[in-house]
Amino acid sequence: MSPKAGTSERARISTGIADLDNILAGGLAPSRTYLLEGTPGSGKTTIALQYLLEGARLGESGLYITLSETAEELRDVARSHGWSLDQIELFELVSEAGFDPDSEQSILEPSEIELGETIRGVMDCVERIRPVRVVFDSLSEMRLLAQNPLRYRRQILSLKQYFSTLDCTVLLLDDRSSEPHDVQLHSIVHGVISLEQAARDFGSERRRLRVVKMRGVKYRGGYHDFVIETGGVNVFPRLVAAEHHAAFTGELMSTGVSELDQMLGGGLTAGTNTLLTGPSGVGKTSTALHCVFSALQNGQKAAYYLFDEVLATMLARASKLGMELAPYIESGQLKAVQIDPAELSPGEFASRVRDAVEVDKVAILVIDSLNAFLQAMPGEKFLLLQMHEILSYLNQQGVITLLILGQHGVIGDVRADLDLSYLSDAIILFRYFEAKGSILKAISITKSRTRPHESSIREFRLSANGLEVGVPLTEFEGVLGGVPAYHGRTPLMSPAQGEER
């Protein structure tokens, strides 16, 4: 039978996972049959149960037809998430009768079972319950019962047409146990959602999904990371920066140091990102903290993502520089998050950034550092493209972003593993240099897309008074090379008690 007229105009139905609905442009079209495919452990059963539970919440009858798992196993899965399946009908084709030698059916002996009898059992159950939502788990068992591809395809077509006449919206689960690249099911069903699970050399496994096909829907293409947590599946739609525009004014935010503001052409501009780059220990993190502290003092909200060090170390470092951040964290004004990259996918990190911007309304955000973020996920492809999308999104939301990038070396030839200068709106360059038998520090602005900046090189230091910037080193040559030549009388900053070199 052909689909009922007007179905495409009917309201879409939720999968029970809000972000999956977002990917599907609102959910699933009703009275259609969909394929949810993935290897064992990829999350098919959990998604299917959330789909039925959402229907139960809305007062819709649901039916779970299981050929591969027992009803008790399904209840155990539900209990692990804190769910109850009391409102969902479980139809189990694996029963105690299957172990009876005299029984006509035996799930353990597929060759002796008439596929037609199994189909009739399913149809009898559907006629009795009249469900609105149906899950059929799994097609691999049906494939074994059919014994040949032609019969299997015909039975799937018959099921699809039968469910359509009853206005059922059906999820067919498949564990991909068929021949590789067998896509005959894709041509039958209305839509296909493919789940993947990949083990990594270190850290937790990664899961992602992709909408392979969805007729008549402009869905969000590409791969989307997701995790299975207590409470169900949490999907992180792929970030597309072009879809997120917000009106904002390009106001300037002070770094808290007048000399550094002067070097930047007035301060940090809203809707831009600034790269702080230099060798280890030169003061990149401390400078970023000073900018954040200044914003907090002015009543702005901030987010700080730590990849390199633990939160306690960061708070202790800030305290030595006269910046007490703990009260701001307790009040919620500062969101300081210690990230474990081995357990975090790029999609989940992008989702956290969006929450910080759209829910917490942060004005300044710091990623410390890009080295750890990029190198801790070596198996992830196109990570730089994802970082480009994140930065474009933050710029379009009017957020000030500070990116910290460490370089190898101390003086002389200083290099980085990657070049992100093309993504940055402004670059603050830090260097060590030798003078009068001491290792000193220099700071300069090498790029600014939004404002005219100072091209001078200045000395700076970190002390109990915070970040201090000196006068331009006009009579030094070779500061960026690490071993300068002095031609004049420009005074250096005198050492101060508690100074951190």
Protein backbone atom coordinates (compact mmCIF):
# COMPACT_ATOMS: atom_id res chain seq x y z
CA MET A 1 0.00 0.00 0.00
CA SER A 2 1.19 3.54 -0.71
CA PRO A 3 1.85 5.93 2.21
CA LYS A 4 -1.18 7.80 3.45
CA ALA A 5 -1.77 11.20 1.90
CA GLY A 6 -0.70 14.20 3.95
CA THR A 7 1.87 12.33 6.03
CA SER A 8 4.68 14.70 5.03
CA GLU A 9 2.69 17.64 6.42
CA ARG A 10 2.16 16.00 9.80
CA ALA A 11 4.22 17.07 12.79
CA ARG A 12 7.49 15.24 13.25
CA ILE A 13 7.93 12.98 16.27
CA SER A 14 10.78 13.17 18.74
CA THR A 15 13.39 10.45 19.13
CA GLY A 16 13.61 11.25 22.84
CA ILE A 17 17.08 12.77 22.31
CA ALA A 18 16.82 16.53 21.75
CA ASP A 19 20.13 16.94 19.95
CA LEU A 20 19.41 13.99 17.66
CA ASP A 21 16.12 15.67 16.80
CA ASN A 22 18.13 18.79 15.99
CA ILE A 23 20.31 16.80 13.59
CA LEU A 24 17.16 15.35 11.99
CA ALA A 25 15.63 18.83 11.53
CA GLY A 26 12.94 18.21 14.14
CA GLY A 27 12.71 14.45 14.49
CA LEU A 28 11.23 11.58 12.49
CA ALA A 29 8.38 11.72 10.01
CA PRO A 30 5.50 9.62 11.43
CA SER A 31 4.22 6.37 9.91
CA ARG A 32 7.58 5.59 8.33
CA THR A 33 10.17 2.86 8.77
CA TYR A 34 13.76 3.72 9.73
CA LEU A 35 16.97 1.73 10.00
CA LEU A 36 19.25 2.19 13.02
CA GLU A 37 22.45 0.30 12.26
CA GLY A 38 25.67 -0.22 14.14
CA THR A 39 28.02 -2.86 15.49
CA PRO A 40 27.26 -4.47 18.89
CA GLY A 41 27.89 -1.98 21.70
CA SER A 42 27.47 1.12 19.56
CA GLY A 43 24.25 2.21 21.36
CA LYS A 44 21.35 0.95 19.23
CA THR A 45 19.34 -0.55 22.10
CA THR A 46 19.75 2.53 24.30
CA ILE A 47 18.57 4.89 21.55
CA ALA A 48 15.65 2.58 20.73
CA LEU A 49 14.53 2.50 24.37
CA GLN A 50 14.74 6.30 24.62
CA TYR A 51 12.60 6.52 21.49
CA LEU A 52 9.90 4.30 23.03
CA LEU A 53 10.08 6.00 26.44
CA GLU A 54 9.55 9.40 24.79
CA GLY A 55 6.42 8.00 23.19
CA ALA A 56 5.21 6.67 26.55
CA ARG A 57 5.77 10.10 28.08
CA LEU A 58 3.54 11.57 25.38
CA GLY A 59 0.86 8.92 25.92
CA GLU A 60 1.72 6.90 22.80
CA SER A 61 1.72 3.10 22.96
CA GLY A 62 5.06 1.44 22.27
CA LEU A 63 6.15 -2.08 21.31
CA TYR A 64 9.64 -3.57 21.49
CA ILE A 65 9.93 -6.75 19.42
CA THR A 66 13.06 -8.64 20.39
CA LEU A 67 14.53 -11.62 18.60
CA SER A 68 18.06 -11.28 19.94
CA GLU A 69 17.65 -10.32 23.61
CA THR A 70 15.33 -11.46 26.35
CA ALA A 71 12.79 -9.15 27.95
CA GLU A 72 14.67 -9.40 31.24
CA GLU A 73 17.91 -8.30 29.57
CA LEU A 74 16.11 -5.25 28.20
CA ARG A 75 14.75 -4.43 31.65
CA ASP A 76 18.28 -4.68 33.04
CA VAL A 77 19.49 -2.18 30.43
CA ALA A 78 16.65 0.16 31.36
CA ARG A 79 17.34 -0.16 35.10
CA SER A 80 21.00 0.77 34.53
CA HIS A 81 19.75 4.12 33.24
CA GLY A 82 17.08 4.56 35.91
CA TRP A 83 14.20 3.80 33.55
CA SER A 84 11.09 1.67 33.89
CA LEU A 85 9.63 -0.23 30.94
CA ASP A 86 6.24 -0.81 32.56
CA GLN A 87 4.51 1.36 29.93
CA ILE A 88 6.19 -0.40 27.01
CA GLU A 89 5.06 -3.76 25.64
CA LEU A 90 7.94 -6.23 25.23
CA PHE A 91 7.28 -8.98 22.70
CA GLU A 92 9.90 -11.69 23.10
CA LEU A 93 10.35 -14.22 20.32
CA VAL A 94 13.01 -15.99 22.36
CA SER A 95 10.94 -17.93 24.85
CA GLU A 96 11.15 -21.01 27.03
CA ALA A 97 9.13 -22.87 24.41
CA GLY A 98 12.07 -22.52 22.08
CA PHE A 99 14.01 -24.99 24.22
CA ASP A 100 11.28 -27.63 23.97
CA PRO A 101 12.42 -30.38 21.53
CA ASP A 102 8.80 -30.87 20.53
CA SER A 103 8.28 -27.21 19.79
CA GLU A 104 7.78 -26.28 16.16
CA GLN A 105 9.93 -23.16 16.64
CA SER A 106 13.43 -22.91 17.95
CA ILE A 107 15.44 -19.72 17.82
CA LEU A 108 18.54 -21.91 18.20
CA GLU A 109 17.74 -23.77 14.98
CA PRO A 110 16.92 -21.09 12.38
CA SER A 111 16.91 -23.58 9.51
CA GLU A 112 13.92 -25.39 11.04
CA ILE A 113 11.80 -22.27 11.54
CA GLU A 114 9.35 -20.98 9.01
CA LEU A 115 9.98 -17.27 8.62
CA GLY A 116 6.30 -16.79 7.87
CA GLU A 117 5.37 -18.08 11.34
CA THR A 118 7.68 -15.53 12.95
CA ILE A 119 6.17 -12.73 10.88
CA ARG A 120 2.65 -13.88 11.78
CA GLY A 121 3.59 -13.84 15.46
CA VAL A 122 4.76 -10.26 15.12
CA MET A 123 1.61 -9.23 13.24
CA ASP A 124 -0.65 -10.84 15.85
CA CYS A 125 1.09 -8.87 18.59
CA VAL A 126 0.81 -5.62 16.63
CA GLU A 127 -2.88 -6.21 15.92
CA ARG A 128 -3.49 -6.76 19.62
CA ILE A 129 -1.56 -3.75 20.93
CA ARG A 130 -1.98 -1.27 18.07
CA PRO A 131 1.28 0.57 18.89
CA VAL A 132 2.20 4.02 17.62
CA ARG A 133 5.94 3.37 17.99
CA VAL A 134 7.66 0.06 17.23
CA VAL A 135 11.23 -1.18 17.62
CA PHE A 136 12.25 -4.37 15.78
CA ASP A 137 15.44 -5.91 17.22
CA SER A 138 17.13 -7.23 15.22
CA LEU A 139 17.26 -7.74 11.49
CA SER A 140 20.27 -10.03 11.73
CA GLU A 141 17.99 -12.73 13.18
CA MET A 142 15.50 -12.15 10.38
CA ARG A 143 18.30 -12.52 7.87
CA LEU A 144 19.21 -15.92 9.31
CA LEU A 145 15.61 -17.07 9.24
CA ALA A 146 15.15 -16.00 5.62
CA GLN A 147 18.20 -17.99 4.46
CA ASN A 148 18.42 -16.13 1.12
CA PRO A 149 18.58 -12.43 0.21
CA LEU A 150 15.50 -12.41 -2.03
CA ARG A 151 13.21 -13.86 0.64
CA TYR A 152 14.71 -11.56 3.25
CA ARG A 153 14.10 -8.45 1.15
CA ARG A 154 10.52 -9.48 0.40
CA GLN A 155 9.75 -10.00 4.08
CA ILE A 156 11.22 -6.61 5.04
CA LEU A 157 9.12 -4.96 2.33
CA SER A 158 6.02 -6.76 3.62
CA LEU A 159 6.72 -5.60 7.19
CA LYS A 160 7.26 -2.04 6.02
CA GLN A 161 3.98 -1.94 4.13
CA TYR A 162 2.10 -3.62 6.96
CA PHE A 163 3.34 -1.14 9.59
CA SER A 164 2.56 1.77 7.26
CA THR A 165 -1.11 0.73 7.00
CA LEU A 166 -1.34 0.88 10.82
CA ASP A 167 0.35 4.31 11.10
CA CYS A 168 3.27 2.84 13.05
CA THR A 169 6.64 4.61 13.17
CA VAL A 170 9.21 1.82 13.20
CA LEU A 171 12.90 1.56 14.10
CA LEU A 172 14.59 -1.50 12.60
CA LEU A 173 17.84 -2.37 14.40
CA ASP A 174 20.68 -4.04 12.51
CA ASP A 175 24.09 -5.07 13.85
CA ARG A 176 25.80 -5.05 10.45
CA SER A 177 26.42 -8.79 10.50
CA SER A 178 25.58 -9.03 6.80
CA GLU A 179 28.07 -8.95 3.97
CA PRO A 180 30.21 -5.79 3.83
CA HIS A 181 28.65 -2.89 1.94
CA ASP A 182 25.25 -4.61 1.87
CA VAL A 183 23.02 -1.58 1.48
CA GLN A 184 19.87 -3.21 0.17
CA LEU A 185 18.03 -2.20 3.35
CA HIS A 186 18.96 1.45 2.73
CA SER A 187 16.86 1.50 -0.43
CA ILE A 188 13.81 0.12 1.38
CA VAL A 189 13.55 2.26 4.48
CA HIS A 190 12.65 5.95 4.75
CA GLY A 191 15.79 6.90 6.66
CA VAL A 192 19.08 5.43 7.90
CA ILE A 193 21.06 6.39 11.01
CA SER A 194 24.46 4.73 11.28
CA LEU A 195 26.30 4.36 14.62
CA GLU A 196 30.03 3.77 14.96
CA GLN A 197 32.28 2.81 17.86
CA ALA A 198 36.07 3.02 17.67
CA ALA A 199 38.61 1.89 20.25
CA ARG A 200 41.65 4.12 20.74
CA ASP A 201 45.20 3.24 21.75
CA PHE A 202 44.67 5.16 24.99
CA GLY A 203 41.57 6.51 26.68
CA SER A 204 37.92 5.64 26.30
CA GLU A 205 36.31 4.55 23.06
CA ARG A 206 34.81 7.12 20.73
CA ARG A 207 31.25 6.90 19.46
CA ARG A 208 29.76 8.87 16.61
CA LEU A 209 26.69 8.77 14.37
CA ARG A 210 25.83 9.84 10.87
CA VAL A 211 22.52 10.26 9.09
CA VAL A 212 23.12 8.31 5.91
CA LYS A 213 19.70 8.96 4.41
CA MET A 214 16.50 10.75 5.36
CA ARG A 215 13.96 11.28 2.61
CA GLY A 216 12.49 14.76 2.26
CA VAL A 217 14.54 16.25 5.11
CA LYS A 218 17.42 18.70 5.09
CA TYR A 219 19.25 17.00 7.94
CA ARG A 220 22.60 17.99 9.40
CA GLY A 221 25.18 15.91 7.54
CA GLY A 222 28.54 14.60 8.65
CA TYR A 223 29.61 12.79 11.80
CA HIS A 224 28.34 13.75 15.24
CA ASP A 225 30.02 12.56 18.43
CA PHE A 226 27.90 11.00 21.16
CA VAL A 227 28.35 9.27 24.51
CA ILE A 228 26.34 6.74 26.48
CA GLU A 229 25.95 7.87 30.07
CA THR A 230 23.70 6.94 32.96
CA GLY A 231 20.41 8.36 31.80
CA GLY A 232 20.85 7.59 28.11
CA VAL A 233 22.60 8.78 24.98
CA ASN A 234 23.92 12.33 24.79
CA VAL A 235 24.54 13.56 21.23
CA PHE A 236 26.77 16.48 20.29
CA PRO A 237 25.72 17.90 16.90
CA ARG A 238 28.58 18.96 14.66
CA LEU A 239 29.21 22.66 15.13
CA VAL A 240 28.59 24.79 12.04
CA ALA A 241 29.70 28.32 12.86
CA ALA A 242 27.77 29.89 9.97
CA GLU A 243 24.50 28.96 11.67
CA HIS A 244 25.26 31.01 14.78
CA HIS A 245 25.27 34.78 14.47
CA ALA A 246 24.65 37.19 17.33
CA ALA A 247 24.54 40.98 17.32
CA PHE A 248 27.26 42.59 19.41
CA THR A 249 29.36 45.74 19.54
CA GLY A 250 33.12 45.52 19.15
CA GLU A 251 33.83 46.92 22.60
CA LEU A 252 37.29 46.84 24.11
CA MET A 253 38.06 44.91 27.28
CA SER A 254 41.06 45.89 29.38
CA THR A 255 43.76 43.33 30.16
CA GLY A 256 44.18 44.99 33.56
CA VAL A 257 47.61 46.35 32.58
CA SER A 258 47.57 49.79 30.94
CA GLU A 259 50.88 49.22 29.12
CA LEU A 260 49.63 45.96 27.60
CA ASP A 261 46.37 47.66 26.58
CA GLN A 262 48.46 50.33 24.88
CA MET A 263 50.44 47.69 23.00
CA LEU A 264 47.20 46.05 21.81
CA GLY A 265 45.79 49.33 20.55
CA GLY A 266 43.41 49.82 23.46
CA GLY A 267 42.75 46.33 24.80
CA LEU A 268 41.10 43.08 23.74
CA THR A 269 38.34 43.47 21.14
CA ALA A 270 35.02 41.64 21.53
CA GLY A 271 34.47 38.98 18.89
CA THR A 272 38.18 38.27 18.34
CA ASN A 273 40.63 35.58 19.39
CA THR A 274 44.16 36.21 20.59
CA LEU A 275 47.02 33.70 20.46
CA LEU A 276 49.51 33.83 23.33
CA THR A 277 52.62 31.99 22.16
CA GLY A 278 56.08 31.45 23.54
CA PRO A 279 58.31 28.93 25.32
CA SER A 280 57.34 27.08 28.48
CA GLY A 281 57.27 29.10 31.69
CA VAL A 282 57.53 32.49 30.02
CA GLY A 283 54.19 33.76 31.39
CA LYS A 284 51.50 32.91 28.83
CA THR A 285 49.06 31.36 31.33
CA SER A 286 49.68 34.08 33.91
CA THR A 287 48.94 36.76 31.31
CA ALA A 288 45.71 35.00 30.32
CA LEU A 289 44.73 34.74 33.99
CA HIS A 290 45.38 38.44 34.44
CA CYS A 291 43.03 39.24 31.53
CA VAL A 292 40.37 36.95 33.00
CA PHE A 293 40.77 38.46 36.47
CA SER A 294 40.35 41.96 35.06
CA ALA A 295 37.13 40.89 33.30
CA LEU A 296 35.81 39.31 36.50
CA GLN A 297 36.49 42.46 38.47
CA ASN A 298 34.45 44.38 35.91
CA GLY A 299 31.48 42.06 36.40
CA GLN A 300 31.98 39.94 33.27
CA LYS A 301 31.62 36.15 33.20
CA ALA A 302 34.51 33.95 32.08
CA ALA A 303 35.30 30.32 31.21
CA TYR A 304 38.74 28.75 31.56
CA TYR A 305 39.45 25.28 30.09
CA LEU A 306 42.54 23.62 31.53
CA PHE A 307 44.21 20.89 29.48
CA ASP A 308 47.77 21.17 30.84
CA GLU A 309 47.57 21.52 34.61
CA VAL A 310 45.19 20.74 37.45
CA LEU A 311 42.79 23.34 38.75
CA ALA A 312 44.45 23.55 42.19
CA THR A 313 47.80 24.43 40.60
CA MET A 314 46.21 27.14 38.49
CA LEU A 315 44.47 28.68 41.51
CA ALA A 316 47.71 28.62 43.52
CA ARG A 317 49.60 30.25 40.64
CA ALA A 318 47.00 33.03 40.40
CA SER A 319 47.03 33.58 44.17
CA LYS A 320 50.81 34.18 44.17
CA LEU A 321 50.25 36.91 41.61
CA GLY A 322 47.62 38.60 43.79
CA MET A 323 44.59 37.15 41.97
CA GLU A 324 42.13 35.23 44.16
CA LEU A 325 39.90 33.31 41.76
CA ALA A 326 38.21 30.87 44.15
CA PRO A 327 35.41 33.30 45.18
CA TYR A 328 34.51 33.85 41.51
CA ILE A 329 34.36 30.10 40.91
CA GLU A 330 32.11 29.61 43.94
CA SER A 331 29.75 32.37 42.78
CA GLY A 332 29.56 30.93 39.26
CA GLN A 333 31.04 34.01 37.63
CA LEU A 334 34.11 32.00 36.58
CA LYS A 335 33.69 28.56 35.04
CA ALA A 336 37.06 26.83 35.47
CA VAL A 337 37.01 23.32 33.98
CA GLN A 338 39.82 20.79 34.18
CA ILE A 339 39.65 18.68 31.01
CA ASP A 340 40.76 15.07 30.72
CA PRO A 341 41.46 14.83 26.96
CA ALA A 342 41.64 11.02 27.05
CA GLU A 343 37.94 10.93 27.98
CA LEU A 344 36.67 13.83 25.90
CA SER A 345 35.77 13.87 22.20
CA PRO A 346 36.15 17.05 20.12
CA GLY A 347 32.39 17.17 19.62
CA GLU A 348 31.74 17.10 23.36
CA PHE A 349 34.28 19.88 23.93
CA ALA A 350 32.58 22.03 21.28
CA SER A 351 29.26 21.37 23.01
CA ARG A 352 30.70 22.54 26.35
CA VAL A 353 31.95 25.71 24.71
CA ARG A 354 28.48 26.39 23.30
CA ASP A 355 26.92 25.88 26.74
CA ALA A 356 29.39 28.34 28.27
CA VAL A 357 28.47 30.96 25.67
CA GLU A 358 24.73 30.41 25.29
CA VAL A 359 23.79 29.32 28.82
CA ASP A 360 26.43 30.88 31.08
CA LYS A 361 26.82 34.01 28.89
CA VAL A 362 30.60 34.24 29.24
CA ALA A 363 32.36 37.26 27.75
CA ILE A 364 35.89 35.83 27.74
CA LEU A 365 37.03 32.23 27.23
CA VAL A 366 40.49 30.68 27.55
CA ILE A 367 41.80 27.40 26.09
CA ASP A 368 44.99 26.39 27.90
CA SER A 369 46.62 24.98 25.93
CA LEU A 370 46.24 24.17 22.25
CA ASN A 371 49.22 21.81 22.46
CA ALA A 372 47.43 19.53 24.88
CA PHE A 373 44.09 19.83 23.11
CA LEU A 374 45.49 18.88 19.70
CA GLN A 375 48.13 16.36 20.73
CA ALA A 376 45.97 14.53 23.27
CA MET A 377 43.64 13.49 20.44
CA PRO A 378 46.11 12.25 17.79
CA GLY A 379 43.62 9.79 16.35
CA GLU A 380 41.10 12.50 15.59
CA LYS A 381 41.14 13.69 11.99
CA PHE A 382 40.47 17.26 10.92
CA LEU A 383 40.93 18.57 14.46
CA LEU A 384 42.24 21.88 13.12
CA LEU A 385 39.07 22.31 11.09
CA GLN A 386 37.02 21.73 14.23
CA MET A 387 39.10 24.34 16.04
CA HIS A 388 38.46 26.72 13.14
CA GLU A 389 34.70 26.21 13.55
CA ILE A 390 34.91 26.78 17.32
CA LEU A 391 36.86 30.02 16.90
CA SER A 392 34.53 31.27 14.15
CA TYR A 393 31.56 30.49 16.39
CA LEU A 394 33.08 32.34 19.36
CA ASN A 395 33.92 35.36 17.22
CA GLN A 396 30.38 35.52 15.85
CA GLN A 397 29.02 35.40 19.40
CA GLY A 398 31.11 38.40 20.44
CA VAL A 399 33.28 36.40 22.85
CA ILE A 400 36.92 37.28 23.54
CA THR A 401 38.96 34.08 23.16
CA LEU A 402 42.49 33.57 24.47
CA LEU A 403 44.45 30.64 23.03
CA ILE A 404 47.69 29.50 24.63
CA LEU A 405 50.27 27.75 22.44
CA GLY A 406 53.58 26.53 23.85
CA GLN A 407 56.76 26.49 21.79
CA HIS A 408 59.87 24.31 22.02
CA GLY A 409 63.13 25.84 23.14
CA VAL A 410 64.14 28.63 25.51
CA ILE A 411 66.26 31.07 23.50
CA GLY A 412 67.47 31.07 19.93
CA ASP A 413 65.54 28.78 17.60
CA VAL A 414 62.06 28.51 19.16
CA ARG A 415 59.46 26.50 17.25
CA ALA A 416 55.94 25.12 17.63
CA ASP A 417 54.49 21.78 16.51
CA LEU A 418 51.74 23.56 14.62
CA ASP A 419 51.01 26.95 13.15
CA LEU A 420 47.71 28.52 14.19
CA SER A 421 48.68 32.09 13.41
CA TYR A 422 46.34 32.15 10.40
CA LEU A 423 43.38 31.45 12.70
CA SER A 424 44.27 34.22 15.14
CA ASP A 425 43.03 37.79 15.06
CA ALA A 426 45.87 38.94 17.31
CA ILE A 427 49.15 37.39 18.45
CA ILE A 428 51.03 38.15 21.66
CA LEU A 429 54.60 36.85 21.41
CA PHE A 430 56.64 36.03 24.52
CA ARG A 431 60.40 35.51 24.56
CA TYR A 432 63.25 34.98 26.99
CA PHE A 433 66.37 37.06 26.52
CA GLU A 434 69.71 37.32 28.29
CA ALA A 435 70.95 40.59 29.80
CA LYS A 436 73.36 41.40 32.61
CA GLY A 437 73.79 37.73 33.49
CA SER A 438 70.05 37.19 33.98
CA ILE A 439 67.24 35.59 31.99
CA LEU A 440 64.64 38.26 31.36
CA LYS A 441 61.30 38.20 29.53
CA ALA A 442 60.04 40.22 26.59
CA ILE A 443 56.56 40.73 25.18
CA SER A 444 55.43 42.05 21.80
CA ILE A 445 52.33 42.21 19.60
CA THR A 446 53.06 40.73 16.18
CA LYS A 447 49.54 40.82 14.68
CA SER A 448 46.19 42.51 15.12
CA ARG A 449 43.41 42.37 12.54
CA THR A 450 41.07 44.81 14.26
CA ARG A 451 43.18 47.65 15.68
CA PRO A 452 46.52 49.36 15.01
CA HIS A 453 48.96 47.86 17.50
CA GLU A 454 52.30 48.86 18.95
CA SER A 455 55.24 47.23 17.18
CA SER A 456 57.72 47.70 20.02
CA ILE A 457 59.25 44.99 22.19
CA ARG A 458 58.89 45.54 25.92
CA GLU A 459 60.27 43.84 28.99
CA PHE A 460 57.76 42.34 31.37
CA ARG A 461 57.80 40.38 34.59
CA LEU A 462 55.53 38.51 36.97
CA SER A 463 55.58 39.39 40.65
CA ALA A 464 53.35 39.50 43.70
CA ASN A 465 51.95 42.70 42.21
CA GLY A 466 50.79 40.82 39.15
CA LEU A 467 51.90 41.41 35.58
CA GLU A 468 54.15 44.41 34.99
CA VAL A 469 55.19 45.73 31.57
CA GLY A 470 58.20 48.03 31.13
CA VAL A 471 59.16 50.63 28.57
CA PRO A 472 60.02 49.69 24.96
CA LEU A 473 63.47 48.17 24.56
CA THR A 474 64.44 50.70 21.91
CA GLU A 475 68.18 50.39 22.39
CA PHE A 476 68.35 46.59 22.28
CA GLU A 477 68.86 44.49 19.17
CA GLY A 478 68.35 40.74 18.90
CA VAL A 479 65.88 40.41 21.80
CA LEU A 480 63.71 37.92 19.91
CA GLY A 481 66.81 35.86 19.16
CA GLY A 482 67.50 35.52 22.86
CA VAL A 483 70.95 37.14 23.00
CA PRO A 484 70.54 40.89 22.45
CA ALA A 485 73.13 43.58 21.87
CA TYR A 486 72.75 46.74 23.95
CA HIS A 487 73.33 50.14 22.32
CA GLY A 488 72.31 52.83 24.75
CA ARG A 489 71.04 53.52 28.22
CA THR A 490 67.49 52.09 28.30
CA PRO A 491 66.96 51.02 31.93
CA LEU A 492 65.76 47.50 32.65
CA MET A 493 63.11 46.79 35.25
CA SER A 494 64.69 46.37 38.67
CA PRO A 495 64.11 42.98 40.34
CA ALA A 496 61.23 42.96 42.80
CA GLN A 497 60.64 40.79 45.83
CA GLY A 498 58.62 37.72 44.93
CA GLU A 499 59.32 38.12 41.22
CA GLU A 500 58.79 35.04 39.07
CA ARG A 501 61.25 34.74 36.24
